Amino acid sequence: MQRNKRFGMCCGAGGGRMWMEEEPSQRVNIRRVEQALETNPDAVAVACPFCMTMIDDGLEGEGHGGQGRPRST
């Protein structure tokens, strides 16, 4: 993904952003899922439980729900 490592994109939920309203066109979960899907991945991994929820919601919102649920190991 183009936005990774030092230039990564955080959902901000760990900082309380999950309680803020977002503009529908700027929803971070949709934007991040679109970025991930551009790479045609076999899997998407996250290290944050908030991001796991955001990615799952974003995948469902983009019509990719059920193709593989986030899971922790």
PDB file of N, CA and C in Angstrom:
ATOM      1  N   MET A   1       0.838  -1.173   0.000  1.00  0.00           N
ATOM      2  CA  MET A   1       0.000   0.000   0.000  1.00  0.00           C
ATOM      3  C   MET A   1       0.887   1.242   0.000  1.00  0.00           C
ATOM      4  N   GLN A   2       0.472   2.219  -0.724  1.00  0.00           N
ATOM      5  CA  GLN A   2       1.252   3.444  -0.819  1.00  0.00           C
ATOM      6  C   GLN A   2       1.394   4.131   0.539  1.00  0.00           C
ATOM      7  N   ARG A   3       0.312   4.191   1.304  1.00  0.00           N
ATOM      8  CA  ARG A   3       0.379   4.813   2.634  1.00  0.00           C
ATOM      9  C   ARG A   3       0.703   3.721   3.638  1.00  0.00           C
ATOM     10  N   ASN A   4       1.974   3.603   3.996  1.00  0.00           N
ATOM     11  CA  ASN A   4       2.402   2.592   4.952  1.00  0.00           C
ATOM     12  C   ASN A   4       3.586   3.120   5.758  1.00  0.00           C
ATOM     13  N   LYS A   5       3.957   2.356   6.756  1.00  0.00           N
ATOM     14  CA  LYS A   5       5.066   2.694   7.652  1.00  0.00           C
ATOM     15  C   LYS A   5       4.937   4.126   8.160  1.00  0.00           C
ATOM     16  N   ARG A   6       5.920   4.940   7.908  1.00  0.00           N
ATOM     17  CA  ARG A   6       5.924   6.300   8.427  1.00  0.00           C
ATOM     18  C   ARG A   6       4.773   7.142   7.871  1.00  0.00           C
ATOM     19  N   PHE A   7       4.295   6.783   6.702  1.00  0.00           N
ATOM     20  CA  PHE A   7       3.208   7.525   6.062  1.00  0.00           C
ATOM     21  C   PHE A   7       1.872   6.797   6.185  1.00  0.00           C
ATOM     22  N   GLY A   8       1.797   5.860   7.123  1.00  0.00           N
ATOM     23  CA  GLY A   8       0.580   5.087   7.323  1.00  0.00           C
ATOM     24  C   GLY A   8      -0.611   5.966   7.683  1.00  0.00           C
ATOM     25  N   MET A   9      -1.773   5.382   7.600  1.00  0.00           N
ATOM     26  CA  MET A   9      -3.011   6.118   7.854  1.00  0.00           C
ATOM     27  C   MET A   9      -3.732   5.434   9.007  1.00  0.00           C
ATOM     28  N   CYS A  10      -3.826   6.104  10.118  1.00  0.00           N
ATOM     29  CA  CYS A  10      -4.462   5.559  11.312  1.00  0.00           C
ATOM     30  C   CYS A  10      -5.947   5.940  11.329  1.00  0.00           C
ATOM     31  N   CYS A  11      -6.776   5.023  11.794  1.00  0.00           N
ATOM     32  CA  CYS A  11      -8.207   5.324  11.886  1.00  0.00           C
ATOM     33  C   CYS A  11      -8.485   6.310  13.016  1.00  0.00           C
ATOM     34  N   GLY A  12      -7.583   6.419  13.996  1.00  0.00           N
ATOM     35  CA  GLY A  12      -7.739   7.369  15.082  1.00  0.00           C
ATOM     36  C   GLY A  12      -8.641   6.924  16.212  1.00  0.00           C
ATOM     37  N   ALA A  13      -9.180   5.715  16.141  1.00  0.00           N
ATOM     38  CA  ALA A  13     -10.125   5.262  17.161  1.00  0.00           C
ATOM     39  C   ALA A  13      -9.470   5.124  18.530  1.00  0.00           C
ATOM     40  N   GLY A  14      -8.209   4.767  18.564  1.00  0.00           N
ATOM     41  CA  GLY A  14      -7.517   4.657  19.843  1.00  0.00           C
ATOM     42  C   GLY A  14      -7.409   6.001  20.546  1.00  0.00           C
ATOM     43  N   GLY A  15      -7.518   7.073  19.786  1.00  0.00           N
ATOM     44  CA  GLY A  15      -7.467   8.422  20.342  1.00  0.00           C
ATOM     45  C   GLY A  15      -8.842   9.028  20.539  1.00  0.00           C
ATOM     46  N   GLY A  16      -9.886   8.228  20.450  1.00  0.00           N
ATOM     47  CA  GLY A  16     -11.241   8.704  20.677  1.00  0.00           C
ATOM     48  C   GLY A  16     -11.973   9.166  19.422  1.00  0.00           C
ATOM     49  N   ARG A  17     -11.336   9.038  18.285  1.00  0.00           N
ATOM     50  CA  ARG A  17     -11.955   9.504  17.050  1.00  0.00           C
ATOM     51  C   ARG A  17     -13.226   8.714  16.700  1.00  0.00           C
ATOM     52  N   MET A  18     -13.346   7.520  17.254  1.00  0.00           N
ATOM     53  CA  MET A  18     -14.536   6.714  16.950  1.00  0.00           C
ATOM     54  C   MET A  18     -15.827   7.395  17.417  1.00  0.00           C
ATOM     55  N   TRP A  19     -15.723   8.365  18.286  1.00  0.00           N
ATOM     56  CA  TRP A  19     -16.910   9.051  18.795  1.00  0.00           C
ATOM     57  C   TRP A  19     -17.233  10.321  18.010  1.00  0.00           C
ATOM     58  N   MET A  20     -16.410  10.632  17.012  1.00  0.00           N
ATOM     59  CA  MET A  20     -16.621  11.834  16.208  1.00  0.00           C
ATOM     60  C   MET A  20     -17.391  11.491  14.945  1.00  0.00           C
ATOM     61  N   GLU A  21     -18.190  12.425  14.479  1.00  0.00           N
ATOM     62  CA  GLU A  21     -18.904  12.244  13.221  1.00  0.00           C
ATOM     63  C   GLU A  21     -17.968  12.559  12.062  1.00  0.00           C
ATOM     64  N   GLU A  22     -18.081  11.793  10.990  1.00  0.00           N
ATOM     65  CA  GLU A  22     -17.267  12.013   9.800  1.00  0.00           C
ATOM     66  C   GLU A  22     -18.164  12.402   8.636  1.00  0.00           C
ATOM     67  N   GLU A  23     -17.592  13.099   7.695  1.00  0.00           N
ATOM     68  CA  GLU A  23     -18.296  13.370   6.450  1.00  0.00           C
ATOM     69  C   GLU A  23     -18.415  12.049   5.700  1.00  0.00           C
ATOM     70  N   PRO A  24     -19.565  11.729   5.124  1.00  0.00           N
ATOM     71  CA  PRO A  24     -19.717  10.446   4.409  1.00  0.00           C
ATOM     72  C   PRO A  24     -18.655  10.216   3.333  1.00  0.00           C
ATOM     73  N   SER A  25     -18.207  11.258   2.671  1.00  0.00           N
ATOM     74  CA  SER A  25     -17.199  11.085   1.620  1.00  0.00           C
ATOM     75  C   SER A  25     -15.791  10.942   2.184  1.00  0.00           C
ATOM     76  N   GLN A  26     -15.626  11.150   3.476  1.00  0.00           N
ATOM     77  CA  GLN A  26     -14.300  11.102   4.086  1.00  0.00           C
ATOM     78  C   GLN A  26     -14.168  10.002   5.138  1.00  0.00           C
ATOM     79  N   ARG A  27     -15.060   9.028   5.126  1.00  0.00           N
ATOM     80  CA  ARG A  27     -15.011   7.974   6.141  1.00  0.00           C
ATOM     81  C   ARG A  27     -13.709   7.206   6.025  1.00  0.00           C
ATOM     82  N   VAL A  28     -12.944   7.189   7.093  1.00  0.00           N
ATOM     83  CA  VAL A  28     -11.609   6.599   7.065  1.00  0.00           C
ATOM     84  C   VAL A  28     -11.661   5.102   6.789  1.00  0.00           C
ATOM     85  N   ASN A  29     -12.685   4.412   7.254  1.00  0.00           N
ATOM     86  CA  ASN A  29     -12.754   2.973   7.003  1.00  0.00           C
ATOM     87  C   ASN A  29     -12.921   2.680   5.515  1.00  0.00           C
ATOM     88  N   ILE A  30     -13.730   3.467   4.824  1.00  0.00           N
ATOM     89  CA  ILE A  30     -13.916   3.270   3.384  1.00  0.00           C
ATOM     90  C   ILE A  30     -12.650   3.670   2.629  1.00  0.00           C
ATOM     91  N   ARG A  31     -12.063   4.797   2.993  1.00  0.00           N
ATOM     92  CA  ARG A  31     -10.844   5.249   2.312  1.00  0.00           C
ATOM     93  C   ARG A  31      -9.716   4.246   2.466  1.00  0.00           C
ATOM     94  N   ARG A  32      -9.550   3.695   3.670  1.00  0.00           N
ATOM     95  CA  ARG A  32      -8.452   2.752   3.903  1.00  0.00           C
ATOM     96  C   ARG A  32      -8.706   1.429   3.193  1.00  0.00           C
ATOM     97  N   VAL A  33      -9.936   0.963   3.178  1.00  0.00           N
ATOM     98  CA  VAL A  33     -10.259  -0.274   2.469  1.00  0.00           C
ATOM     99  C   VAL A  33     -10.042  -0.092   0.967  1.00  0.00           C
ATOM    100  N   GLU A  34     -10.426   1.054   0.433  1.00  0.00           N
ATOM    101  CA  GLU A  34     -10.182   1.313  -0.991  1.00  0.00           C
ATOM    102  C   GLU A  34      -8.689   1.256  -1.293  1.00  0.00           C
ATOM    103  N   GLN A  35      -7.873   1.835  -0.407  1.00  0.00           N
ATOM    104  CA  GLN A  35      -6.423   1.801  -0.595  1.00  0.00           C
ATOM    105  C   GLN A  35      -5.906   0.362  -0.558  1.00  0.00           C
ATOM    106  N   ALA A  36      -6.429  -0.426   0.364  1.00  0.00           N
ATOM    107  CA  ALA A  36      -5.989  -1.823   0.467  1.00  0.00           C
ATOM    108  C   ALA A  36      -6.422  -2.627  -0.760  1.00  0.00           C
ATOM    109  N   LEU A  37      -7.652  -2.432  -1.199  1.00  0.00           N
ATOM    110  CA  LEU A  37      -8.161  -3.206  -2.332  1.00  0.00           C
ATOM    111  C   LEU A  37      -7.468  -2.853  -3.640  1.00  0.00           C
ATOM    112  N   GLU A  38      -6.904  -1.647  -3.734  1.00  0.00           N
ATOM    113  CA  GLU A  38      -6.154  -1.267  -4.935  1.00  0.00           C
ATOM    114  C   GLU A  38      -4.961  -2.185  -5.181  1.00  0.00           C
ATOM    115  N   THR A  39      -4.446  -2.798  -4.122  1.00  0.00           N
ATOM    116  CA  THR A  39      -3.282  -3.677  -4.250  1.00  0.00           C
ATOM    117  C   THR A  39      -3.663  -5.104  -4.615  1.00  0.00           C
ATOM    118  N   ASN A  40      -4.963  -5.379  -4.733  1.00  0.00           N
ATOM    119  CA  ASN A  40      -5.469  -6.723  -5.034  1.00  0.00           C
ATOM    120  C   ASN A  40      -4.892  -7.762  -4.052  1.00  0.00           C
ATOM    121  N   PRO A  41      -5.111  -7.555  -2.750  1.00  0.00           N
ATOM    122  CA  PRO A  41      -4.482  -8.414  -1.737  1.00  0.00           C
ATOM    123  C   PRO A  41      -5.170  -9.765  -1.595  1.00  0.00           C
ATOM    124  N   ASP A  42      -4.401 -10.731  -1.114  1.00  0.00           N
ATOM    125  CA  ASP A  42      -4.981 -12.011  -0.700  1.00  0.00           C
ATOM    126  C   ASP A  42      -5.538 -11.888   0.715  1.00  0.00           C
ATOM    127  N   ALA A  43      -4.924 -11.004   1.495  1.00  0.00           N
ATOM    128  CA  ALA A  43      -5.342 -10.781   2.877  1.00  0.00           C
ATOM    129  C   ALA A  43      -4.942  -9.370   3.290  1.00  0.00           C
ATOM    130  N   VAL A  44      -5.653  -8.843   4.266  1.00  0.00           N
ATOM    131  CA  VAL A  44      -5.313  -7.551   4.856  1.00  0.00           C
ATOM    132  C   VAL A  44      -5.133  -7.799   6.345  1.00  0.00           C
ATOM    133  N   ALA A  45      -3.994  -7.390   6.881  1.00  0.00           N
ATOM    134  CA  ALA A  45      -3.697  -7.605   8.297  1.00  0.00           C
ATOM    135  C   ALA A  45      -3.589  -6.267   9.015  1.00  0.00           C
ATOM    136  N   VAL A  46      -4.061  -6.235  10.234  1.00  0.00           N
ATOM    137  CA  VAL A  46      -3.947  -5.053  11.080  1.00  0.00           C
ATOM    138  C   VAL A  46      -3.439  -5.495  12.448  1.00  0.00           C
ATOM    139  N   ALA A  47      -2.859  -4.562  13.178  1.00  0.00           N
ATOM    140  CA  ALA A  47      -2.346  -4.867  14.510  1.00  0.00           C
ATOM    141  C   ALA A  47      -3.172  -4.209  15.610  1.00  0.00           C
ATOM    142  N   CYS A  48      -4.219  -3.526  15.229  1.00  0.00           N
ATOM    143  CA  CYS A  48      -5.010  -2.744  16.172  1.00  0.00           C
ATOM    144  C   CYS A  48      -6.458  -3.245  16.173  1.00  0.00           C
ATOM    145  N   PRO A  49      -7.047  -3.480  17.347  1.00  0.00           N
ATOM    146  CA  PRO A  49      -8.439  -3.951  17.377  1.00  0.00           C
ATOM    147  C   PRO A  49      -9.425  -2.932  16.806  1.00  0.00           C
ATOM    148  N   PHE A  50      -9.127  -1.646  16.955  1.00  0.00           N
ATOM    149  CA  PHE A  50     -10.007  -0.631  16.378  1.00  0.00           C
ATOM    150  C   PHE A  50      -9.939  -0.680  14.857  1.00  0.00           C
ATOM    151  N   CYS A  51      -8.721  -0.826  14.332  1.00  0.00           N
ATOM    152  CA  CYS A  51      -8.565  -0.914  12.874  1.00  0.00           C
ATOM    153  C   CYS A  51      -9.230  -2.173  12.327  1.00  0.00           C
ATOM    154  N   MET A  52      -9.208  -3.259  13.101  1.00  0.00           N
ATOM    155  CA  MET A  52      -9.863  -4.489  12.664  1.00  0.00           C
ATOM    156  C   MET A  52     -11.359  -4.224  12.457  1.00  0.00           C
ATOM    157  N   THR A  53     -11.964  -3.516  13.386  1.00  0.00           N
ATOM    158  CA  THR A  53     -13.379  -3.169  13.261  1.00  0.00           C
ATOM    159  C   THR A  53     -13.605  -2.242  12.074  1.00  0.00           C
ATOM    160  N   MET A  54     -12.736  -1.240  11.915  1.00  0.00           N
ATOM    161  CA  MET A  54     -12.866  -0.297  10.803  1.00  0.00           C
ATOM    162  C   MET A  54     -12.739  -1.006   9.452  1.00  0.00           C
ATOM    163  N   ILE A  55     -11.752  -1.885   9.324  1.00  0.00           N
ATOM    164  CA  ILE A  55     -11.542  -2.596   8.065  1.00  0.00           C
ATOM    165  C   ILE A  55     -12.732  -3.511   7.775  1.00  0.00           C
ATOM    166  N   ASP A  56     -13.211  -4.210   8.787  1.00  0.00           N
ATOM    167  CA  ASP A  56     -14.374  -5.081   8.607  1.00  0.00           C
ATOM    168  C   ASP A  56     -15.582  -4.270   8.136  1.00  0.00           C
ATOM    169  N   ASP A  57     -15.854  -3.147   8.792  1.00  0.00           N
ATOM    170  CA  ASP A  57     -16.974  -2.289   8.396  1.00  0.00           C
ATOM    171  C   ASP A  57     -16.770  -1.737   6.988  1.00  0.00           C
ATOM    172  N   GLY A  58     -15.545  -1.355   6.675  1.00  0.00           N
ATOM    173  CA  GLY A  58     -15.241  -0.829   5.346  1.00  0.00           C
ATOM    174  C   GLY A  58     -15.431  -1.867   4.258  1.00  0.00           C
ATOM    175  N   LEU A  59     -15.006  -3.102   4.533  1.00  0.00           N
ATOM    176  CA  LEU A  59     -15.193  -4.179   3.551  1.00  0.00           C
ATOM    177  C   LEU A  59     -16.673  -4.436   3.305  1.00  0.00           C
ATOM    178  N   GLU A  60     -17.456  -4.450   4.369  1.00  0.00           N
ATOM    179  CA  GLU A  60     -18.902  -4.633   4.210  1.00  0.00           C
ATOM    180  C   GLU A  60     -19.512  -3.469   3.448  1.00  0.00           C
ATOM    181  N   GLY A  61     -19.076  -2.257   3.752  1.00  0.00           N
ATOM    182  CA  GLY A  61     -19.585  -1.073   3.080  1.00  0.00           C
ATOM    183  C   GLY A  61     -19.253  -1.038   1.597  1.00  0.00           C
ATOM    184  N   GLU A  62     -18.148  -1.674   1.223  1.00  0.00           N
ATOM    185  CA  GLU A  62     -17.727  -1.718  -0.180  1.00  0.00           C
ATOM    186  C   GLU A  62     -18.199  -2.990  -0.873  1.00  0.00           C
ATOM    187  N   GLY A  63     -19.058  -3.754  -0.197  1.00  0.00           N
ATOM    188  CA  GLY A  63     -19.623  -4.960  -0.809  1.00  0.00           C
ATOM    189  C   GLY A  63     -18.698  -6.166  -0.784  1.00  0.00           C
ATOM    190  N   HIS A  64     -17.711  -6.155   0.114  1.00  0.00           N
ATOM    191  CA  HIS A  64     -16.793  -7.279   0.215  1.00  0.00           C
ATOM    192  C   HIS A  64     -16.956  -8.039   1.514  1.00  0.00           C
ATOM    193  N   GLY A  65     -18.034  -7.803   2.227  1.00  0.00           N
ATOM    194  CA  GLY A  65     -18.277  -8.529   3.464  1.00  0.00           C
ATOM    195  C   GLY A  65     -18.472 -10.001   3.169  1.00  0.00           C
ATOM    196  N   GLY A  66     -18.004 -10.853   4.072  1.00  0.00           N
ATOM    197  CA  GLY A  66     -18.154 -12.281   3.896  1.00  0.00           C
ATOM    198  C   GLY A  66     -17.048 -12.917   3.074  1.00  0.00           C
ATOM    199  N   GLN A  67     -16.156 -12.112   2.482  1.00  0.00           N
ATOM    200  CA  GLN A  67     -15.060 -12.687   1.711  1.00  0.00           C
ATOM    201  C   GLN A  67     -13.890 -13.050   2.596  1.00  0.00           C
ATOM    202  N   GLY A  68     -14.027 -12.849   3.833  1.00  0.00           N
ATOM    203  CA  GLY A  68     -12.954 -13.153   4.767  1.00  0.00           C
ATOM    204  C   GLY A  68     -13.022 -12.172   5.909  1.00  0.00           C
ATOM    205  N   ARG A  69     -13.436 -12.646   7.015  1.00  0.00           N
ATOM    206  CA  ARG A  69     -13.576 -11.800   8.179  1.00  0.00           C
ATOM    207  C   ARG A  69     -12.234 -11.590   8.837  1.00  0.00           C
ATOM    208  N   PRO A  70     -12.019 -10.419   9.441  1.00  0.00           N
ATOM    209  CA  PRO A  70     -10.797 -10.221  10.213  1.00  0.00           C
ATOM    210  C   PRO A  70     -10.749 -11.220  11.356  1.00  0.00           C
ATOM    211  N   ARG A  71      -9.579 -11.688  11.640  1.00  0.00           N
ATOM    212  CA  ARG A  71      -9.429 -12.615  12.752  1.00  0.00           C
ATOM    213  C   ARG A  71      -8.094 -12.365  13.421  1.00  0.00           C
ATOM    214  N   SER A  72      -8.033 -12.613  14.690  1.00  0.00           N
ATOM    215  CA  SER A  72      -6.772 -12.458  15.414  1.00  0.00           C
ATOM    216  C   SER A  72      -6.148 -13.827  15.577  1.00  0.00           C
ATOM    217  N   THR A  73      -4.841 -13.822  15.709  1.00  0.00           N
ATOM    218  CA  THR A  73      -4.135 -15.096  15.905  1.00  0.00           C
ATOM    219  C   THR A  73      -3.420 -15.088  17.220  1.00  0.00           C
TER     220      THR A  73
END
